[in-house]
N, C-alpha and C. Protein backbone atom coordinates (compact mmCIF):
# COMPACT_ATOMS: atom_id res chain seq x y z
N MET A 1 85.42 115.37 70.62
CA MET A 1 86.06 114.16 70.13
C MET A 1 87.52 114.15 70.57
N PRO A 2 88.01 113.04 71.15
CA PRO A 2 89.38 113.00 71.63
C PRO A 2 90.38 113.01 70.48
N THR A 3 91.46 113.70 70.68
CA THR A 3 92.53 113.72 69.69
C THR A 3 93.59 112.72 70.10
N ASN A 4 94.58 112.55 69.22
CA ASN A 4 95.68 111.65 69.57
C ASN A 4 96.42 112.15 70.80
N LEU A 5 96.53 113.48 70.93
CA LEU A 5 97.18 114.04 72.10
C LEU A 5 96.43 113.67 73.37
N ASP A 6 95.07 113.72 73.31
CA ASP A 6 94.28 113.32 74.47
C ASP A 6 94.53 111.86 74.82
N ALA A 7 94.62 111.00 73.81
CA ALA A 7 94.86 109.58 74.05
C ALA A 7 96.23 109.39 74.70
N GLU A 8 97.24 110.14 74.21
CA GLU A 8 98.57 110.03 74.80
C GLU A 8 98.57 110.49 76.25
N GLU A 9 97.86 111.60 76.52
CA GLU A 9 97.79 112.10 77.89
C GLU A 9 97.07 111.10 78.79
N THR A 10 96.00 110.50 78.27
CA THR A 10 95.26 109.51 79.06
C THR A 10 96.14 108.31 79.38
N SER A 11 96.85 107.79 78.37
CA SER A 11 97.68 106.62 78.64
C SER A 11 98.82 106.98 79.58
N HIS A 12 99.37 108.19 79.45
CA HIS A 12 100.42 108.62 80.37
C HIS A 12 99.87 108.71 81.79
N THR A 13 98.68 109.25 81.92
CA THR A 13 98.05 109.37 83.24
C THR A 13 97.82 107.99 83.84
N GLU A 14 97.39 107.05 83.02
CA GLU A 14 97.15 105.69 83.52
C GLU A 14 98.45 105.07 84.01
N ILE A 15 99.54 105.28 83.28
CA ILE A 15 100.82 104.72 83.69
C ILE A 15 101.27 105.35 85.01
N VAL A 16 101.17 106.65 85.09
CA VAL A 16 101.59 107.35 86.30
C VAL A 16 100.76 106.91 87.50
N MET A 17 99.47 106.67 87.26
CA MET A 17 98.58 106.34 88.37
C MET A 17 98.56 104.85 88.70
N SER A 18 99.28 104.03 87.96
CA SER A 18 99.32 102.61 88.25
C SER A 18 99.98 102.37 89.60
N THR A 19 99.47 101.38 90.29
CA THR A 19 100.03 101.05 91.60
C THR A 19 101.22 100.11 91.42
N ALA A 20 101.97 99.96 92.48
CA ALA A 20 103.10 99.03 92.47
C ALA A 20 102.61 97.63 92.15
N LEU A 21 101.47 97.24 92.70
CA LEU A 21 100.93 95.91 92.43
C LEU A 21 100.62 95.74 90.95
N GLU A 22 100.01 96.73 90.34
CA GLU A 22 99.68 96.65 88.91
C GLU A 22 100.95 96.58 88.06
N GLN A 23 101.96 97.34 88.42
CA GLN A 23 103.21 97.32 87.65
C GLN A 23 103.93 95.99 87.80
N LEU A 24 103.95 95.44 89.00
CA LEU A 24 104.60 94.15 89.19
C LEU A 24 103.82 93.02 88.52
N GLU A 25 102.49 93.14 88.49
CA GLU A 25 101.70 92.16 87.75
C GLU A 25 102.03 92.24 86.27
N ALA A 26 102.11 93.45 85.74
CA ALA A 26 102.45 93.63 84.32
C ALA A 26 103.85 93.10 84.03
N ALA A 27 104.78 93.29 84.96
CA ALA A 27 106.13 92.75 84.79
C ALA A 27 106.09 91.22 84.74
N ALA A 28 105.32 90.61 85.64
CA ALA A 28 105.21 89.15 85.65
C ALA A 28 104.59 88.65 84.35
N LEU A 29 103.60 89.38 83.84
CA LEU A 29 102.98 88.98 82.57
C LEU A 29 103.95 89.15 81.41
N SER A 30 104.78 90.17 81.44
CA SER A 30 105.82 90.33 80.41
C SER A 30 106.77 89.15 80.42
N LEU A 31 107.11 88.70 81.61
CA LEU A 31 108.02 87.56 81.73
C LEU A 31 107.38 86.26 81.25
N ALA A 32 106.06 86.18 81.30
CA ALA A 32 105.36 84.95 80.92
C ALA A 32 105.16 84.83 79.41
N ARG A 33 105.43 85.87 78.68
CA ARG A 33 105.25 85.82 77.22
C ARG A 33 106.34 84.99 76.57
N SER A 34 106.13 84.69 75.30
CA SER A 34 107.15 83.93 74.58
C SER A 34 108.28 84.87 74.15
N GLY A 35 109.41 84.29 73.87
CA GLY A 35 110.57 85.07 73.45
C GLY A 35 111.76 84.77 74.34
N PRO A 36 112.92 85.25 73.94
CA PRO A 36 114.12 85.02 74.75
C PRO A 36 113.99 85.65 76.13
N ILE A 37 114.46 84.95 77.15
CA ILE A 37 114.31 85.41 78.54
C ILE A 37 114.95 86.77 78.75
N LYS A 38 116.08 87.02 78.12
CA LYS A 38 116.75 88.31 78.31
C LYS A 38 115.91 89.46 77.75
N ASP A 39 115.26 89.25 76.62
CA ASP A 39 114.39 90.29 76.05
C ASP A 39 113.19 90.53 76.95
N ARG A 40 112.59 89.44 77.44
CA ARG A 40 111.42 89.58 78.32
C ARG A 40 111.80 90.27 79.63
N LEU A 41 112.97 89.94 80.15
CA LEU A 41 113.45 90.54 81.39
C LEU A 41 113.71 92.04 81.22
N ALA A 42 114.36 92.41 80.13
CA ALA A 42 114.62 93.83 79.87
C ALA A 42 113.31 94.59 79.71
N ASP A 43 112.35 94.00 79.01
CA ASP A 43 111.04 94.63 78.83
C ASP A 43 110.33 94.80 80.18
N ALA A 44 110.34 93.78 80.99
CA ALA A 44 109.67 93.84 82.29
C ALA A 44 110.30 94.92 83.17
N CYS A 45 111.61 95.03 83.12
CA CYS A 45 112.29 96.03 83.94
C CYS A 45 112.02 97.44 83.43
N ARG A 46 112.26 97.67 82.14
CA ARG A 46 112.12 99.02 81.58
C ARG A 46 110.70 99.54 81.64
N ASN A 47 109.74 98.69 81.29
CA ASN A 47 108.36 99.15 81.15
C ASN A 47 107.52 99.04 82.42
N HIS A 48 108.01 98.30 83.41
CA HIS A 48 107.18 98.09 84.60
C HIS A 48 107.95 98.27 85.92
N LEU A 49 109.02 97.52 86.11
CA LEU A 49 109.76 97.60 87.37
C LEU A 49 110.30 99.01 87.60
N ALA A 50 110.75 99.66 86.54
CA ALA A 50 111.29 101.01 86.66
C ALA A 50 110.24 102.03 87.10
N LEU A 51 108.96 101.70 86.91
CA LEU A 51 107.88 102.62 87.26
C LEU A 51 107.37 102.43 88.69
N VAL A 52 107.87 101.43 89.37
CA VAL A 52 107.42 101.16 90.74
C VAL A 52 108.11 102.13 91.70
N ASN A 53 107.31 102.74 92.54
CA ASN A 53 107.83 103.59 93.61
C ASN A 53 108.07 102.70 94.83
N PRO A 54 109.32 102.52 95.24
CA PRO A 54 109.59 101.63 96.37
C PRO A 54 108.85 102.02 97.65
N GLU A 55 108.49 103.29 97.78
CA GLU A 55 107.77 103.73 98.98
C GLU A 55 106.35 103.16 99.04
N GLU A 56 105.82 102.71 97.89
CA GLU A 56 104.49 102.09 97.87
C GLU A 56 104.53 100.65 98.37
N LEU A 57 105.72 100.08 98.45
CA LEU A 57 105.86 98.68 98.86
C LEU A 57 105.91 98.58 100.37
N PRO A 58 105.43 97.46 100.91
CA PRO A 58 105.62 97.23 102.34
C PRO A 58 107.12 97.19 102.65
N ALA A 59 107.49 97.65 103.81
CA ALA A 59 108.91 97.72 104.19
C ALA A 59 109.60 96.36 104.03
N ALA A 60 108.88 95.29 104.31
CA ALA A 60 109.46 93.95 104.24
C ALA A 60 109.84 93.55 102.81
N LEU A 61 109.27 94.21 101.80
CA LEU A 61 109.54 93.84 100.41
C LEU A 61 110.51 94.80 99.72
N ARG A 62 110.85 95.89 100.35
CA ARG A 62 111.70 96.89 99.69
C ARG A 62 113.10 96.36 99.38
N ALA A 63 113.66 95.57 100.27
CA ALA A 63 115.00 95.03 100.02
C ALA A 63 114.98 94.10 98.81
N ASP A 64 113.94 93.27 98.68
CA ASP A 64 113.82 92.39 97.52
C ASP A 64 113.65 93.19 96.24
N PHE A 65 112.86 94.27 96.31
CA PHE A 65 112.67 95.14 95.15
C PHE A 65 114.01 95.75 94.73
N HIS A 66 114.74 96.30 95.70
CA HIS A 66 116.02 96.92 95.38
C HIS A 66 117.01 95.89 94.84
N ALA A 67 116.96 94.66 95.34
CA ALA A 67 117.84 93.61 94.83
C ALA A 67 117.53 93.31 93.37
N CYS A 68 116.24 93.23 93.01
CA CYS A 68 115.85 93.01 91.61
C CYS A 68 116.32 94.18 90.74
N HIS A 69 116.03 95.38 91.20
CA HIS A 69 116.41 96.57 90.43
C HIS A 69 117.92 96.64 90.25
N ASP A 70 118.66 96.42 91.33
CA ASP A 70 120.12 96.49 91.26
C ASP A 70 120.69 95.39 90.37
N ALA A 71 120.09 94.21 90.40
CA ALA A 71 120.56 93.10 89.56
C ALA A 71 120.38 93.41 88.08
N LEU A 72 119.48 94.34 87.77
CA LEU A 72 119.20 94.67 86.36
C LEU A 72 119.85 95.98 85.90
N THR A 73 120.56 96.64 86.78
CA THR A 73 121.15 97.94 86.40
C THR A 73 122.60 98.07 86.87
N ARG A 74 123.29 96.97 87.06
CA ARG A 74 124.62 97.04 87.66
C ARG A 74 125.74 97.32 86.65
N GLU A 75 125.51 97.08 85.36
CA GLU A 75 126.57 97.25 84.36
C GLU A 75 126.55 98.64 83.74
N ARG A 76 127.74 99.11 83.39
CA ARG A 76 127.87 100.40 82.71
C ARG A 76 127.47 100.21 81.24
N PRO A 77 126.56 101.05 80.73
CA PRO A 77 126.09 100.88 79.35
C PRO A 77 127.11 101.36 78.31
N LEU A 78 127.05 100.75 77.15
CA LEU A 78 127.81 101.21 76.00
C LEU A 78 127.05 102.38 75.38
N PRO A 79 127.69 103.16 74.53
CA PRO A 79 126.96 104.25 73.86
C PRO A 79 125.75 103.69 73.11
N GLY A 80 124.60 104.33 73.31
CA GLY A 80 123.38 103.92 72.62
C GLY A 80 122.55 102.89 73.35
N GLU A 81 122.98 102.45 74.51
CA GLU A 81 122.16 101.52 75.28
C GLU A 81 122.02 102.02 76.71
N ASP A 82 121.06 101.44 77.42
CA ASP A 82 120.87 101.83 78.82
C ASP A 82 121.47 100.76 79.74
N ALA A 83 121.45 101.03 81.03
CA ALA A 83 122.05 100.11 82.00
C ALA A 83 121.34 98.76 82.01
N VAL A 84 120.02 98.77 81.79
CA VAL A 84 119.27 97.50 81.78
C VAL A 84 119.75 96.63 80.62
N ARG A 85 119.83 97.20 79.42
CA ARG A 85 120.26 96.43 78.25
C ARG A 85 121.69 95.92 78.46
N ALA A 86 122.58 96.76 78.98
CA ALA A 86 123.97 96.36 79.20
C ALA A 86 124.04 95.21 80.20
N THR A 87 123.28 95.32 81.27
CA THR A 87 123.30 94.29 82.32
C THR A 87 122.74 92.98 81.80
N VAL A 88 121.60 93.05 81.13
CA VAL A 88 120.96 91.83 80.63
C VAL A 88 121.83 91.18 79.55
N ARG A 89 122.48 91.99 78.73
CA ARG A 89 123.36 91.47 77.68
C ARG A 89 124.49 90.64 78.29
N LYS A 90 125.00 91.07 79.43
CA LYS A 90 126.13 90.38 80.06
C LYS A 90 125.71 89.21 80.96
N MET A 91 124.42 89.07 81.21
CA MET A 91 123.93 87.98 82.06
C MET A 91 123.94 86.65 81.32
N SER A 92 124.12 85.58 82.08
CA SER A 92 123.88 84.25 81.52
C SER A 92 122.36 84.03 81.51
N ASN A 93 121.92 83.06 80.74
CA ASN A 93 120.48 82.74 80.75
C ASN A 93 120.04 82.28 82.13
N GLN A 94 120.90 81.57 82.84
CA GLN A 94 120.55 81.11 84.19
C GLN A 94 120.39 82.31 85.13
N ASP A 95 121.29 83.29 85.04
CA ASP A 95 121.15 84.50 85.86
C ASP A 95 119.86 85.23 85.53
N ALA A 96 119.54 85.32 84.23
CA ALA A 96 118.30 85.98 83.80
C ALA A 96 117.09 85.24 84.36
N ASP A 97 117.13 83.90 84.33
CA ASP A 97 116.04 83.10 84.90
C ASP A 97 115.86 83.40 86.38
N GLU A 98 116.97 83.51 87.11
CA GLU A 98 116.90 83.75 88.55
C GLU A 98 116.34 85.13 88.87
N VAL A 99 116.74 86.14 88.11
CA VAL A 99 116.21 87.49 88.35
C VAL A 99 114.73 87.53 87.99
N ALA A 100 114.35 86.86 86.90
CA ALA A 100 112.93 86.81 86.51
C ALA A 100 112.11 86.12 87.60
N ALA A 101 112.62 85.03 88.14
CA ALA A 101 111.91 84.33 89.21
C ALA A 101 111.78 85.22 90.45
N ALA A 102 112.82 85.97 90.76
CA ALA A 102 112.76 86.88 91.91
C ALA A 102 111.70 87.95 91.69
N MET A 103 111.57 88.42 90.45
CA MET A 103 110.57 89.44 90.14
C MET A 103 109.16 88.87 90.30
N VAL A 104 108.94 87.65 89.86
CA VAL A 104 107.63 87.01 90.01
C VAL A 104 107.33 86.76 91.49
N ARG A 105 108.33 86.33 92.25
CA ARG A 105 108.12 86.13 93.70
C ARG A 105 107.78 87.45 94.39
N LEU A 106 108.39 88.54 93.95
CA LEU A 106 108.10 89.85 94.51
C LEU A 106 106.64 90.23 94.23
N PHE A 107 106.18 89.99 93.01
CA PHE A 107 104.78 90.25 92.68
C PHE A 107 103.86 89.41 93.56
N ALA A 108 104.16 88.12 93.70
CA ALA A 108 103.32 87.24 94.51
C ALA A 108 103.27 87.70 95.97
N ALA A 109 104.41 88.09 96.50
CA ALA A 109 104.45 88.55 97.90
C ALA A 109 103.64 89.83 98.07
N LEU A 110 103.73 90.73 97.11
CA LEU A 110 102.97 91.98 97.20
C LEU A 110 101.48 91.70 97.05
N ALA A 111 101.12 90.77 96.17
CA ALA A 111 99.70 90.42 96.01
C ALA A 111 99.14 89.82 97.30
N ARG A 112 99.92 88.95 97.95
CA ARG A 112 99.47 88.38 99.23
C ARG A 112 99.33 89.48 100.29
N ALA A 113 100.29 90.38 100.34
CA ALA A 113 100.24 91.47 101.33
C ALA A 113 99.04 92.37 101.08
N ALA A 114 98.74 92.63 99.81
CA ALA A 114 97.58 93.47 99.48
C ALA A 114 96.28 92.77 99.87
N GLN A 115 96.23 91.46 99.67
CA GLN A 115 95.02 90.71 100.04
C GLN A 115 94.82 90.73 101.55
N VAL A 116 95.88 90.55 102.30
CA VAL A 116 95.78 90.60 103.76
C VAL A 116 95.34 91.99 104.20
N GLU A 117 95.91 93.01 103.60
CA GLU A 117 95.54 94.39 103.95
C GLU A 117 94.07 94.64 103.65
N THR A 118 93.58 94.13 102.53
CA THR A 118 92.17 94.29 102.18
C THR A 118 91.28 93.59 103.19
N LEU A 119 91.64 92.37 103.56
CA LEU A 119 90.83 91.64 104.53
C LEU A 119 90.83 92.32 105.90
N LEU A 120 91.96 92.86 106.28
CA LEU A 120 92.04 93.54 107.57
C LEU A 120 91.26 94.85 107.58
N ALA A 121 91.12 95.45 106.41
CA ALA A 121 90.41 96.73 106.32
C ALA A 121 88.90 96.56 106.19
N MET A 122 88.43 95.32 106.07
CA MET A 122 86.99 95.09 105.91
C MET A 122 86.27 95.47 107.19
N PRO A 123 85.13 96.15 107.06
CA PRO A 123 84.35 96.46 108.27
C PRO A 123 83.87 95.17 108.93
N GLU A 124 83.73 95.23 110.22
CA GLU A 124 83.31 94.04 110.97
C GLU A 124 81.94 93.53 110.55
N ALA A 125 81.09 94.41 110.11
CA ALA A 125 79.73 94.01 109.75
C ALA A 125 79.56 93.98 108.24
N VAL A 126 80.39 93.18 107.55
CA VAL A 126 80.25 93.06 106.10
C VAL A 126 78.87 92.54 105.77
N SER A 127 78.47 91.52 106.43
CA SER A 127 77.09 91.05 106.36
C SER A 127 76.78 90.46 107.72
N ASP A 128 75.53 90.54 108.11
CA ASP A 128 75.16 90.15 109.48
C ASP A 128 75.61 88.75 109.85
N GLY A 129 75.46 87.79 108.96
CA GLY A 129 75.77 86.42 109.33
C GLY A 129 77.10 85.93 108.82
N ALA A 130 77.76 86.69 107.99
CA ALA A 130 78.98 86.19 107.35
C ALA A 130 80.07 85.86 108.35
N ARG A 131 80.24 86.70 109.35
CA ARG A 131 81.32 86.46 110.29
C ARG A 131 80.85 85.81 111.58
N SER A 132 79.56 85.73 111.79
CA SER A 132 79.08 85.14 113.03
C SER A 132 79.46 83.67 113.12
N ASN A 133 79.58 83.01 111.97
CA ASN A 133 79.98 81.61 111.99
C ASN A 133 81.47 81.44 111.72
N GLY A 134 82.21 82.57 111.64
CA GLY A 134 83.65 82.50 111.44
C GLY A 134 84.06 82.43 109.99
N ALA A 135 83.12 82.38 109.07
CA ALA A 135 83.46 82.30 107.65
C ALA A 135 83.66 83.69 107.08
N MET A 136 84.62 83.81 106.19
CA MET A 136 84.86 85.09 105.52
C MET A 136 83.87 85.22 104.37
N PRO A 137 83.53 86.45 103.98
CA PRO A 137 82.56 86.64 102.91
C PRO A 137 83.01 86.06 101.58
N ASN A 138 84.32 85.91 101.35
CA ASN A 138 84.80 85.39 100.08
C ASN A 138 84.89 83.87 100.06
N GLY A 139 84.44 83.21 101.10
CA GLY A 139 84.45 81.76 101.13
C GLY A 139 85.71 81.17 101.74
N ALA A 140 86.58 82.00 102.28
CA ALA A 140 87.79 81.49 102.92
C ALA A 140 87.42 80.84 104.25
N ASN A 141 88.40 80.38 104.97
CA ASN A 141 88.23 79.72 106.27
C ASN A 141 87.43 78.43 106.18
N GLY A 142 87.59 77.71 105.10
CA GLY A 142 86.97 76.40 105.00
C GLY A 142 85.55 76.39 104.50
N ALA A 143 84.94 77.53 104.27
CA ALA A 143 83.57 77.53 103.75
C ALA A 143 83.62 77.05 102.31
N ARG A 144 82.70 76.18 101.96
CA ARG A 144 82.69 75.62 100.61
C ARG A 144 81.50 76.15 99.83
N ALA A 145 81.75 76.46 98.58
CA ALA A 145 80.67 76.87 97.71
C ALA A 145 79.98 75.61 97.19
N LYS A 146 78.69 75.71 96.91
CA LYS A 146 77.97 74.57 96.36
C LYS A 146 78.39 74.38 94.91
N PRO A 147 78.58 73.13 94.47
CA PRO A 147 78.93 72.91 93.07
C PRO A 147 77.75 73.26 92.18
N PRO A 148 78.04 73.64 90.94
CA PRO A 148 76.94 73.96 90.03
C PRO A 148 76.08 72.74 89.76
N LYS A 149 74.82 72.97 89.39
CA LYS A 149 73.92 71.86 89.08
C LYS A 149 74.53 71.03 87.97
N GLY A 150 74.32 69.74 88.06
CA GLY A 150 74.80 68.83 87.03
C GLY A 150 76.16 68.24 87.35
N VAL A 151 76.84 68.74 88.35
CA VAL A 151 78.13 68.17 88.72
C VAL A 151 77.85 66.99 89.63
N PRO A 152 78.29 65.81 89.26
CA PRO A 152 77.97 64.62 90.05
C PRO A 152 78.53 64.70 91.46
N ASP A 153 77.79 64.10 92.38
CA ASP A 153 78.23 64.05 93.77
C ASP A 153 79.49 63.21 93.93
N VAL A 154 79.80 62.38 92.94
CA VAL A 154 80.97 61.53 93.01
C VAL A 154 82.23 62.39 93.13
N ILE A 155 82.24 63.52 92.46
CA ILE A 155 83.41 64.40 92.53
C ILE A 155 83.65 64.82 93.97
N SER A 156 82.58 65.13 94.68
CA SER A 156 82.72 65.52 96.09
C SER A 156 83.33 64.39 96.90
N LEU A 157 82.93 63.15 96.60
CA LEU A 157 83.44 62.01 97.34
C LEU A 157 84.93 61.83 97.10
N TYR A 158 85.36 61.98 95.83
CA TYR A 158 86.78 61.86 95.53
C TYR A 158 87.57 62.97 96.20
N ALA A 159 87.02 64.16 96.22
CA ALA A 159 87.71 65.30 96.84
C ALA A 159 87.85 65.07 98.34
N ALA A 160 86.85 64.46 98.95
CA ALA A 160 86.89 64.21 100.39
C ALA A 160 87.97 63.18 100.73
N GLU A 161 88.22 62.23 99.82
CA GLU A 161 89.23 61.21 100.06
C GLU A 161 90.64 61.77 99.96
N ALA A 162 90.83 62.81 99.17
CA ALA A 162 92.18 63.36 98.93
C ALA A 162 92.74 64.10 100.08
């Protein structure tokens, strides 16, 4: 039977083993929650951005990552606080909004890069006919999925007009 210590070790292992993409996704989700922007930003930085290893990021995104990190740790902390809290405390709400937006853009860019990397790593013979017609197995490249039964054909006509 697992003990509390086992649970703590498991959660610590999960945090350590999280990828940069998972941490940036968690940071974006922290920013999407309700509450003051400065609190959400400090939480996203301390609990997620700080755990990202810049070496896991594509070289093209490292400068953006360092810019986000530096924007959140530039102030000298007062006794009892860390650099993130000191920096966020001194930020205007507009500055906090801009750093939060940069963090979300960083997550989106990394997610796109990961998707491209996954597609490029796919074996050529994913399925015999999937690529012979130029369509990707996930339905990309213009391939359309059939609508579920009961969906009127009128919807297709309106979509074609748009």
